[in-house]
Amino acid sequence: MLDSPPGGFGEDGAYVLVRFGGRHFAARVPLHESFHLYLDGEGVLRTNHVLRLWRRTVVRLHYKLVRS
């Protein structure tokens, strides 16, 4: 399980950086993700990926990773 939980500035998470008038400004955005990686019954690597904005789920994805 890989998780980017809610938190304050300076903690793990997603940030936006803006350069304006020769200065830089950074802010932590309220975007939180979780990745659950696992092997299914046939030994295939799979991932459940959930993207939240504040506390609302906005995207839910499922990946199947196979060798090409």
Protein backbone atom coordinates (compact mmCIF):
# COMPACT_ATOMS: atom_id res chain seq x y z
CA MET A 1 0.00 0.00 0.00
CA LEU A 2 1.30 3.43 -0.99
CA ASP A 3 -0.63 6.39 0.37
CA SER A 4 -0.38 10.19 0.22
CA PRO A 5 -2.57 11.20 3.15
CA PRO A 6 -3.85 14.65 4.09
CA GLY A 7 -1.35 16.77 5.97
CA GLY A 8 0.31 20.12 6.34
CA PHE A 9 2.83 22.02 4.28
CA GLY A 10 6.18 20.24 4.20
CA GLU A 11 4.68 16.78 4.64
CA ASP A 12 4.39 14.12 1.91
CA GLY A 13 1.90 15.00 -0.79
CA ALA A 14 1.26 16.91 -4.02
CA TYR A 15 2.51 20.48 -4.38
CA VAL A 16 2.16 23.26 -6.94
CA LEU A 17 5.02 25.70 -7.50
CA VAL A 18 4.48 29.10 -9.17
CA ARG A 19 7.09 31.64 -10.20
CA PHE A 20 5.72 35.18 -10.23
CA GLY A 21 7.69 38.43 -10.42
CA GLY A 22 11.00 36.68 -9.82
CA ARG A 23 9.69 34.98 -6.66
CA HIS A 24 8.63 31.39 -6.10
CA PHE A 25 5.50 30.33 -4.23
CA ALA A 26 4.61 26.78 -3.20
CA ALA A 27 1.38 25.32 -1.86
CA ARG A 28 0.30 21.84 -0.91
CA VAL A 29 -2.78 20.88 -2.92
CA PRO A 30 -5.65 18.84 -1.41
CA LEU A 31 -4.98 15.90 -3.74
CA HIS A 32 -4.54 12.50 -2.08
CA GLU A 33 -3.82 9.15 -3.72
CA SER A 34 -3.63 5.55 -2.64
CA PHE A 35 -2.19 2.59 -4.54
CA HIS A 36 -2.88 -0.98 -3.44
CA LEU A 37 -0.54 -3.38 -5.28
CA TYR A 38 -1.15 -7.12 -5.09
CA LEU A 39 -0.79 -10.42 -6.93
CA ASP A 40 -4.06 -12.02 -7.98
CA GLY A 41 -4.79 -15.75 -7.83
CA GLU A 42 -3.00 -16.30 -11.17
CA GLY A 43 0.15 -14.42 -10.11
CA VAL A 44 -0.68 -11.28 -12.13
CA LEU A 45 0.38 -7.96 -10.59
CA ARG A 46 -2.61 -5.63 -10.15
CA THR A 47 -3.14 -2.18 -8.69
CA ASN A 48 -6.17 -0.36 -7.33
CA HIS A 49 -5.56 3.41 -7.59
CA VAL A 50 -7.84 5.95 -5.90
CA LEU A 51 -7.49 9.72 -6.37
CA ARG A 52 -9.25 12.01 -3.91
CA LEU A 53 -9.71 15.77 -3.93
CA TRP A 54 -10.21 16.85 -0.34
CA ARG A 55 -12.20 13.86 0.95
CA ARG A 56 -14.18 13.06 -2.21
CA THR A 57 -13.14 10.27 -4.57
CA VAL A 58 -12.76 11.73 -8.07
CA VAL A 59 -11.03 8.85 -9.92
CA ARG A 60 -10.86 5.14 -9.22
CA LEU A 61 -8.66 3.04 -11.52
CA HIS A 62 -7.65 -0.61 -11.72
CA TYR A 63 -4.43 -1.66 -13.45
CA LYS A 64 -3.32 -5.06 -14.68
CA LEU A 65 0.44 -5.21 -15.26
CA VAL A 66 1.71 -7.86 -17.66
CA ARG A 67 5.02 -8.40 -19.43
CA SER A 68 5.07 -7.23 -23.03
